[in-house]
Amino acid sequence: MNPLGWGGFGSALGSARLTARLPVPESVPAPAAPSPGLRALDLGAGPEVLVHASSQSNANADLLRVVLTLHGAGGNARGGLAPLLPFADTYRLLLVSPSSRDRTWDVITRGRWGSDVERINQALTRIFATYRVDPTRLAISGFSDGASYALSLGLANADLLTHIIAFSPGFLVPTPRVGTPHVYISHGRADEVLPIDKTTRRIVPQLRAADIPAEVHEFDGPHVVTADIAEDAMRWLTRP
């Protein structure tokens, strides 16, 4: 497919493709129940990856709804969890939150996909090998730079990642699209960090022109993720 892109980026170098894949159900011998609460995912040397499991998760429950959640510039894994953490129990989520290697994500700082994609791939591979994941609700989300990264990486991997949630994104990195995800975008009309006219209002027409379903919520506010927007995104993700 042709790349979608906007902004001052040329074609990014490296590969945005994730190789992590969900196993066939029969190859997971026993559905494990994640330990409720927050823990670090042991992946060896590299940036921290945090996992937060709903207290409602158990071995006999439905398949896990996994959301990979990405922080903004200057943030970290704990900050990446913050917008969705209050809703993990209500919507029975398994949140997976990596830290970027640098102050923000590789393709933004270096103009190429690299170590952050590799770390995300490691994390998803571990999650897929350990738990039974709902393949119809496998999401990537993010705020600010994390939202731009989620949109770009999600479009490159929509054969795996079914839903993209972008809170106040800035741009799309030109990357070949694989598959067609569902997209949720929110943005404050008073955003002075990433003004909406230069960002979301340019991104959304590109998505719709490419026949990518996009639900857009503009709100009267600055560069933030409000609690009502975050919960609305979770309702969108989990609705039949």
C-alpha atoms as a PDB file:
ATOM      1  CA  MET A   1       0.000   0.000   0.000  1.00  0.00           C
ATOM      2  CA  ASN A   2       1.087   3.585  -0.453  1.00  0.00           C
ATOM      3  CA  PRO A   3       2.441   5.344   2.621  1.00  0.00           C
ATOM      4  CA  LEU A   4       0.381   7.859   4.504  1.00  0.00           C
ATOM      5  CA  GLY A   5       2.325  10.778   5.841  1.00  0.00           C
ATOM      6  CA  TRP A   6       2.338  14.416   6.799  1.00  0.00           C
ATOM      7  CA  GLY A   7       4.766  16.893   8.259  1.00  0.00           C
ATOM      8  CA  GLY A   8       8.476  17.453   7.837  1.00  0.00           C
ATOM      9  CA  PHE A   9       9.398  13.772   7.638  1.00  0.00           C
ATOM     10  CA  GLY A  10      10.856  12.123   4.601  1.00  0.00           C
ATOM     11  CA  SER A  11      10.479   8.385   4.238  1.00  0.00           C
ATOM     12  CA  ALA A  12      11.663   6.908   7.523  1.00  0.00           C
ATOM     13  CA  LEU A  13      14.537   4.452   7.452  1.00  0.00           C
ATOM     14  CA  GLY A  14      14.491   1.039   9.073  1.00  0.00           C
ATOM     15  CA  SER A  15      11.449  -1.165   9.459  1.00  0.00           C
ATOM     16  CA  ALA A  16       8.275  -0.419  11.395  1.00  0.00           C
ATOM     17  CA  ARG A  17       7.084  -3.999  11.048  1.00  0.00           C
ATOM     18  CA  LEU A  18       6.485  -6.037  14.190  1.00  0.00           C
ATOM     19  CA  THR A  19       7.175  -9.756  13.987  1.00  0.00           C
ATOM     20  CA  ALA A  20       5.363 -10.697  17.237  1.00  0.00           C
ATOM     21  CA  ARG A  21       2.364 -12.870  16.426  1.00  0.00           C
ATOM     22  CA  LEU A  22      -0.463 -14.379  18.403  1.00  0.00           C
ATOM     23  CA  PRO A  23      -0.189 -18.165  18.652  1.00  0.00           C
ATOM     24  CA  VAL A  24      -3.060 -20.403  17.669  1.00  0.00           C
ATOM     25  CA  PRO A  25      -5.101 -21.025  20.848  1.00  0.00           C
ATOM     26  CA  GLU A  26      -4.139 -24.687  21.030  1.00  0.00           C
ATOM     27  CA  SER A  27      -0.457 -23.792  21.349  1.00  0.00           C
ATOM     28  CA  VAL A  28      -1.012 -21.992  24.668  1.00  0.00           C
ATOM     29  CA  PRO A  29      -1.350 -24.971  27.018  1.00  0.00           C
ATOM     30  CA  ALA A  30      -2.988 -23.188  29.929  1.00  0.00           C
ATOM     31  CA  PRO A  31      -4.438 -19.664  29.963  1.00  0.00           C
ATOM     32  CA  ALA A  32      -2.400 -17.854  32.599  1.00  0.00           C
ATOM     33  CA  ALA A  33      -3.961 -15.237  34.840  1.00  0.00           C
ATOM     34  CA  PRO A  34      -1.842 -12.080  35.050  1.00  0.00           C
ATOM     35  CA  SER A  35      -0.981 -11.008  38.577  1.00  0.00           C
ATOM     36  CA  PRO A  36      -3.234  -8.005  39.296  1.00  0.00           C
ATOM     37  CA  GLY A  37      -1.557  -4.638  39.545  1.00  0.00           C
ATOM     38  CA  LEU A  38       1.694  -3.172  38.280  1.00  0.00           C
ATOM     39  CA  ARG A  39       4.945  -4.993  37.555  1.00  0.00           C
ATOM     40  CA  ALA A  40       7.990  -4.676  35.334  1.00  0.00           C
ATOM     41  CA  LEU A  41       8.283  -7.059  32.405  1.00  0.00           C
ATOM     42  CA  ASP A  42      11.638  -8.837  32.621  1.00  0.00           C
ATOM     43  CA  LEU A  43      13.116  -8.485  29.139  1.00  0.00           C
ATOM     44  CA  GLY A  44      16.767  -8.080  30.074  1.00  0.00           C
ATOM     45  CA  ALA A  45      18.830  -4.974  29.405  1.00  0.00           C
ATOM     46  CA  GLY A  46      17.008  -2.066  27.831  1.00  0.00           C
ATOM     47  CA  PRO A  47      14.316   0.505  28.568  1.00  0.00           C
ATOM     48  CA  GLU A  48      11.731  -0.357  31.212  1.00  0.00           C
ATOM     49  CA  VAL A  49       8.475  -1.992  30.164  1.00  0.00           C
ATOM     50  CA  LEU A  50       5.642  -1.934  32.700  1.00  0.00           C
ATOM     51  CA  VAL A  51       2.553  -4.143  32.683  1.00  0.00           C
ATOM     52  CA  HIS A  52      -0.630  -3.415  34.589  1.00  0.00           C
ATOM     53  CA  ALA A  53      -3.289  -6.118  34.809  1.00  0.00           C
ATOM     54  CA  SER A  54      -6.870  -5.587  35.833  1.00  0.00           C
ATOM     55  CA  SER A  55      -7.844  -7.018  39.198  1.00  0.00           C
ATOM     56  CA  GLN A  56     -10.750  -8.601  37.325  1.00  0.00           C
ATOM     57  CA  SER A  57      -8.419 -10.839  35.306  1.00  0.00           C
ATOM     58  CA  ASN A  58      -8.463 -14.548  36.048  1.00  0.00           C
ATOM     59  CA  ALA A  59      -7.629 -17.755  34.259  1.00  0.00           C
ATOM     60  CA  ASN A  60     -11.284 -18.452  33.452  1.00  0.00           C
ATOM     61  CA  ALA A  61     -12.075 -14.983  32.149  1.00  0.00           C
ATOM     62  CA  ASP A  62     -12.518 -13.919  28.576  1.00  0.00           C
ATOM     63  CA  LEU A  63      -9.468 -13.338  26.418  1.00  0.00           C
ATOM     64  CA  LEU A  64      -7.366 -10.397  27.580  1.00  0.00           C
ATOM     65  CA  ARG A  65      -7.820  -6.984  26.004  1.00  0.00           C
ATOM     66  CA  VAL A  66      -4.250  -5.783  25.533  1.00  0.00           C
ATOM     67  CA  VAL A  67      -3.474  -2.094  25.038  1.00  0.00           C
ATOM     68  CA  LEU A  68       0.085  -1.026  24.236  1.00  0.00           C
ATOM     69  CA  THR A  69       0.265   2.527  25.589  1.00  0.00           C
ATOM     70  CA  LEU A  70       2.993   5.044  24.677  1.00  0.00           C
ATOM     71  CA  HIS A  71       4.132   8.130  26.579  1.00  0.00           C
ATOM     72  CA  GLY A  72       4.758  11.620  25.223  1.00  0.00           C
ATOM     73  CA  ALA A  73       8.113  13.367  24.799  1.00  0.00           C
ATOM     74  CA  GLY A  74      10.170  13.388  27.982  1.00  0.00           C
ATOM     75  CA  GLY A  75       7.930  10.766  29.556  1.00  0.00           C
ATOM     76  CA  ASN A  76       8.422   7.179  30.632  1.00  0.00           C
ATOM     77  CA  ALA A  77       6.572   3.894  31.016  1.00  0.00           C
ATOM     78  CA  ARG A  78       4.745   5.001  34.153  1.00  0.00           C
ATOM     79  CA  GLY A  79       3.544   8.140  32.418  1.00  0.00           C
ATOM     80  CA  GLY A  80       2.406   6.092  29.448  1.00  0.00           C
ATOM     81  CA  LEU A  81       0.079   4.131  31.719  1.00  0.00           C
ATOM     82  CA  ALA A  82      -1.480   7.195  33.336  1.00  0.00           C
ATOM     83  CA  PRO A  83      -4.358   8.025  30.940  1.00  0.00           C
ATOM     84  CA  LEU A  84      -5.824   4.505  30.902  1.00  0.00           C
ATOM     85  CA  LEU A  85      -4.850   3.200  34.341  1.00  0.00           C
ATOM     86  CA  PRO A  86      -8.072   4.359  36.056  1.00  0.00           C
ATOM     87  CA  PHE A  87     -10.112   2.276  33.610  1.00  0.00           C
ATOM     88  CA  ALA A  88      -8.145  -0.975  33.625  1.00  0.00           C
ATOM     89  CA  ASP A  89     -10.496  -2.730  36.039  1.00  0.00           C
ATOM     90  CA  THR A  90     -13.744  -1.510  34.505  1.00  0.00           C
ATOM     91  CA  TYR A  91     -12.752  -2.603  30.997  1.00  0.00           C
ATOM     92  CA  ARG A  92     -10.615  -5.608  32.037  1.00  0.00           C
ATOM     93  CA  LEU A  93      -7.451  -4.370  30.348  1.00  0.00           C
ATOM     94  CA  LEU A  94      -3.878  -5.592  30.268  1.00  0.00           C
ATOM     95  CA  LEU A  95      -1.839  -2.419  29.737  1.00  0.00           C
ATOM     96  CA  VAL A  96       1.695  -2.742  28.342  1.00  0.00           C
ATOM     97  CA  SER A  97       3.770   0.432  28.595  1.00  0.00           C
ATOM     98  CA  PRO A  98       7.371   0.703  27.318  1.00  0.00           C
ATOM     99  CA  SER A  99       9.750   3.573  27.870  1.00  0.00           C
ATOM    100  CA  SER A 100      11.474   4.986  24.809  1.00  0.00           C
ATOM    101  CA  ARG A 101      15.262   4.642  24.712  1.00  0.00           C
ATOM    102  CA  ASP A 102      15.781   8.379  24.246  1.00  0.00           C
ATOM    103  CA  ARG A 103      13.617  11.267  25.478  1.00  0.00           C
ATOM    104  CA  THR A 104      11.076  10.370  22.809  1.00  0.00           C
ATOM    105  CA  TRP A 105      10.545   7.629  20.207  1.00  0.00           C
ATOM    106  CA  ASP A 106      13.215   6.483  17.751  1.00  0.00           C
ATOM    107  CA  VAL A 107      11.702   7.573  14.447  1.00  0.00           C
ATOM    108  CA  ILE A 108      11.090  11.054  15.876  1.00  0.00           C
ATOM    109  CA  THR A 109      14.563  11.601  17.343  1.00  0.00           C
ATOM    110  CA  ARG A 110      16.604   9.696  14.752  1.00  0.00           C
ATOM    111  CA  GLY A 111      14.458   9.653  11.618  1.00  0.00           C
ATOM    112  CA  ARG A 112      14.487   5.866  11.564  1.00  0.00           C
ATOM    113  CA  TRP A 113      12.669   2.948  13.141  1.00  0.00           C
ATOM    114  CA  GLY A 114      14.989   1.067  15.455  1.00  0.00           C
ATOM    115  CA  SER A 115      15.457   0.062  19.078  1.00  0.00           C
ATOM    116  CA  ASP A 116      12.023   1.174  20.263  1.00  0.00           C
ATOM    117  CA  VAL A 117      10.290  -1.028  17.689  1.00  0.00           C
ATOM    118  CA  GLU A 118      12.533  -3.894  18.791  1.00  0.00           C
ATOM    119  CA  ARG A 119      11.630  -3.363  22.466  1.00  0.00           C
ATOM    120  CA  ILE A 120       7.917  -3.221  21.694  1.00  0.00           C
ATOM    121  CA  ASN A 121       8.293  -6.388  19.668  1.00  0.00           C
ATOM    122  CA  GLN A 122      10.036  -8.105  22.598  1.00  0.00           C
ATOM    123  CA  ALA A 123       7.274  -7.065  24.972  1.00  0.00           C
ATOM    124  CA  LEU A 124       4.454  -8.245  22.737  1.00  0.00           C
ATOM    125  CA  THR A 125       6.216 -11.540  22.033  1.00  0.00           C
ATOM    126  CA  ARG A 126       6.434 -12.188  25.784  1.00  0.00           C
ATOM    127  CA  ILE A 127       2.801 -11.220  26.390  1.00  0.00           C
ATOM    128  CA  PHE A 128       1.546 -13.376  23.526  1.00  0.00           C
ATOM    129  CA  ALA A 129       3.542 -16.378  24.756  1.00  0.00           C
ATOM    130  CA  THR A 130       2.216 -16.021  28.298  1.00  0.00           C
ATOM    131  CA  TYR A 131      -1.446 -15.039  28.077  1.00  0.00           C
ATOM    132  CA  ARG A 132      -4.442 -15.607  25.870  1.00  0.00           C
ATOM    133  CA  VAL A 133      -5.098 -12.340  24.081  1.00  0.00           C
ATOM    134  CA  ASP A 134      -8.244 -11.177  22.322  1.00  0.00           C
ATOM    135  CA  PRO A 135      -7.140 -10.866  18.673  1.00  0.00           C
ATOM    136  CA  THR A 136     -10.124  -8.602  17.887  1.00  0.00           C
ATOM    137  CA  ARG A 137      -9.215  -5.982  20.532  1.00  0.00           C
ATOM    138  CA  LEU A 138      -5.447  -5.594  20.316  1.00  0.00           C
ATOM    139  CA  ALA A 139      -4.782  -1.870  20.572  1.00  0.00           C
ATOM    140  CA  ILE A 140      -1.959   0.648  20.480  1.00  0.00           C
ATOM    141  CA  SER A 141      -2.477   4.036  22.108  1.00  0.00           C
ATOM    142  CA  GLY A 142      -0.471   7.100  22.957  1.00  0.00           C
ATOM    143  CA  PHE A 143      -0.434  10.779  23.865  1.00  0.00           C
ATOM    144  CA  SER A 144       1.332  13.578  21.951  1.00  0.00           C
ATOM    145  CA  ASP A 145       4.564  12.104  20.476  1.00  0.00           C
ATOM    146  CA  GLY A 146       3.277   8.742  21.685  1.00  0.00           C
ATOM    147  CA  ALA A 147       0.077   9.311  19.709  1.00  0.00           C
ATOM    148  CA  SER A 148       2.027  10.143  16.546  1.00  0.00           C
ATOM    149  CA  TYR A 149       4.127   7.019  17.070  1.00  0.00           C
ATOM    150  CA  ALA A 150       1.035   4.895  17.782  1.00  0.00           C
ATOM    151  CA  LEU A 151      -0.666   6.083  14.598  1.00  0.00           C
ATOM    152  CA  SER A 152       2.400   5.486  12.449  1.00  0.00           C
ATOM    153  CA  LEU A 153       3.369   2.131  13.957  1.00  0.00           C
ATOM    154  CA  GLY A 154      -0.255   1.024  14.078  1.00  0.00           C
ATOM    155  CA  LEU A 155      -0.831   1.694  10.392  1.00  0.00           C
ATOM    156  CA  ALA A 156       2.289  -0.308   9.549  1.00  0.00           C
ATOM    157  CA  ASN A 157       1.019  -3.239  11.611  1.00  0.00           C
ATOM    158  CA  ALA A 158      -2.759  -3.192  11.311  1.00  0.00           C
ATOM    159  CA  ASP A 159      -2.697  -6.874  10.389  1.00  0.00           C
ATOM    160  CA  LEU A 160      -1.854  -7.373  14.097  1.00  0.00           C
ATOM    161  CA  LEU A 161      -2.979  -4.197  15.882  1.00  0.00           C
ATOM    162  CA  THR A 162      -6.710  -3.846  15.333  1.00  0.00           C
ATOM    163  CA  HIS A 163      -7.315  -0.490  17.041  1.00  0.00           C
ATOM    164  CA  ILE A 164      -5.311   2.750  17.285  1.00  0.00           C
ATOM    165  CA  ILE A 165      -6.045   5.364  19.949  1.00  0.00           C
ATOM    166  CA  ALA A 166      -4.277   8.687  19.425  1.00  0.00           C
ATOM    167  CA  PHE A 167      -4.658  11.385  22.079  1.00  0.00           C
ATOM    168  CA  SER A 168      -3.486  14.733  20.591  1.00  0.00           C
ATOM    169  CA  PRO A 169      -1.226  13.449  17.787  1.00  0.00           C
ATOM    170  CA  GLY A 170       1.112  15.675  15.817  1.00  0.00           C
ATOM    171  CA  PHE A 171       1.818  13.846  12.562  1.00  0.00           C
ATOM    172  CA  LEU A 172       2.019  10.627  10.608  1.00  0.00           C
ATOM    173  CA  VAL A 173       5.405   9.198   9.665  1.00  0.00           C
ATOM    174  CA  PRO A 174       5.354   8.056   6.007  1.00  0.00           C
ATOM    175  CA  THR A 175       5.324   4.280   6.378  1.00  0.00           C
ATOM    176  CA  PRO A 176       3.795   1.571   4.177  1.00  0.00           C
ATOM    177  CA  ARG A 177       0.404   0.614   5.549  1.00  0.00           C
ATOM    178  CA  VAL A 178      -0.445  -3.046   6.174  1.00  0.00           C
ATOM    179  CA  GLY A 179      -4.095  -3.766   6.953  1.00  0.00           C
ATOM    180  CA  THR A 180      -6.934  -1.474   7.996  1.00  0.00           C
ATOM    181  CA  PRO A 181      -7.267  -0.575  11.684  1.00  0.00           C
ATOM    182  CA  HIS A 182     -10.019   1.249  13.526  1.00  0.00           C
ATOM    183  CA  VAL A 183      -8.790   4.663  14.676  1.00  0.00           C
ATOM    184  CA  TYR A 184      -9.874   6.904  17.545  1.00  0.00           C
ATOM    185  CA  ILE A 185      -8.409  10.432  17.739  1.00  0.00           C
ATOM    186  CA  SER A 186      -8.985  13.128  20.343  1.00  0.00           C
ATOM    187  CA  HIS A 187      -7.597  16.655  20.338  1.00  0.00           C
ATOM    188  CA  GLY A 188      -8.145  19.859  22.307  1.00  0.00           C
ATOM    189  CA  ARG A 189      -9.180  22.905  20.324  1.00  0.00           C
ATOM    190  CA  ALA A 190      -7.054  25.078  22.648  1.00  0.00           C
ATOM    191  CA  ASP A 191      -3.921  22.923  22.239  1.00  0.00           C
ATOM    192  CA  GLU A 192      -0.940  25.303  21.957  1.00  0.00           C
ATOM    193  CA  VAL A 193       1.687  22.520  21.899  1.00  0.00           C
ATOM    194  CA  LEU A 194       0.316  20.730  18.828  1.00  0.00           C
ATOM    195  CA  PRO A 195      -2.332  23.076  17.397  1.00  0.00           C
ATOM    196  CA  ILE A 196      -5.288  21.125  16.079  1.00  0.00           C
ATOM    197  CA  ASP A 197      -5.454  22.910  12.706  1.00  0.00           C
ATOM    198  CA  LYS A 198      -1.889  21.848  11.901  1.00  0.00           C
ATOM    199  CA  THR A 199      -2.219  18.296  13.187  1.00  0.00           C
ATOM    200  CA  THR A 200      -5.420  16.288  13.671  1.00  0.00           C
ATOM    201  CA  ARG A 201      -7.402  18.330  11.147  1.00  0.00           C
ATOM    202  CA  ARG A 202      -4.772  17.457   8.530  1.00  0.00           C
ATOM    203  CA  ILE A 203      -4.325  13.829   9.606  1.00  0.00           C
ATOM    204  CA  VAL A 204      -8.001  12.822   9.635  1.00  0.00           C
ATOM    205  CA  PRO A 205      -8.756  13.663   5.970  1.00  0.00           C
ATOM    206  CA  GLN A 206      -5.748  11.536   4.958  1.00  0.00           C
ATOM    207  CA  LEU A 207      -7.075   8.593   6.938  1.00  0.00           C
ATOM    208  CA  ARG A 208     -10.579   8.902   5.538  1.00  0.00           C
ATOM    209  CA  ALA A 209      -9.266   9.287   2.000  1.00  0.00           C
ATOM    210  CA  ALA A 210      -7.499   5.953   2.532  1.00  0.00           C
ATOM    211  CA  ASP A 211     -10.793   4.376   3.735  1.00  0.00           C
ATOM    212  CA  ILE A 212      -9.518   4.010   7.305  1.00  0.00           C
ATOM    213  CA  PRO A 213     -12.387   4.286   9.819  1.00  0.00           C
ATOM    214  CA  ALA A 214     -11.651   7.214  12.123  1.00  0.00           C
ATOM    215  CA  GLU A 215     -13.701   8.400  15.082  1.00  0.00           C
ATOM    216  CA  VAL A 216     -12.665  11.923  16.045  1.00  0.00           C
ATOM    217  CA  HIS A 217     -13.404  13.808  19.261  1.00  0.00           C
ATOM    218  CA  GLU A 218     -12.482  17.476  19.457  1.00  0.00           C
ATOM    219  CA  PHE A 219     -12.904  19.045  22.886  1.00  0.00           C
ATOM    220  CA  ASP A 220     -12.571  22.466  24.484  1.00  0.00           C
ATOM    221  CA  GLY A 221      -9.236  22.102  26.225  1.00  0.00           C
ATOM    222  CA  PRO A 222      -5.436  22.234  25.931  1.00  0.00           C
ATOM    223  CA  HIS A 223      -2.786  19.551  25.328  1.00  0.00           C
ATOM    224  CA  VAL A 224      -4.133  16.922  27.736  1.00  0.00           C
ATOM    225  CA  VAL A 225      -5.964  13.617  27.962  1.00  0.00           C
ATOM    226  CA  THR A 226      -9.056  14.252  30.045  1.00  0.00           C
ATOM    227  CA  ALA A 227     -10.612  11.436  32.068  1.00  0.00           C
ATOM    228  CA  ASP A 228     -13.854  11.568  30.071  1.00  0.00           C
ATOM    229  CA  ILE A 229     -11.969  11.317  26.768  1.00  0.00           C
ATOM    230  CA  ALA A 230      -9.885   8.393  28.026  1.00  0.00           C
ATOM    231  CA  GLU A 231     -12.987   6.535  29.191  1.00  0.00           C
ATOM    232  CA  ASP A 232     -14.798   7.299  25.948  1.00  0.00           C
ATOM    233  CA  ALA A 233     -11.863   5.736  24.077  1.00  0.00           C
ATOM    234  CA  MET A 234     -12.158   2.607  26.240  1.00  0.00           C
ATOM    235  CA  ARG A 235     -15.881   2.367  25.564  1.00  0.00           C
ATOM    236  CA  TRP A 236     -15.101   2.668  21.862  1.00  0.00           C
ATOM    237  CA  LEU A 237     -12.440  -0.028  22.075  1.00  0.00           C
ATOM    238  CA  THR A 238     -14.624  -2.517  23.920  1.00  0.00           C
ATOM    239  CA  ARG A 239     -17.997  -1.976  22.293  1.00  0.00           C
ATOM    240  CA  PRO A 240     -19.394  -4.883  20.211  1.00  0.00           C
END
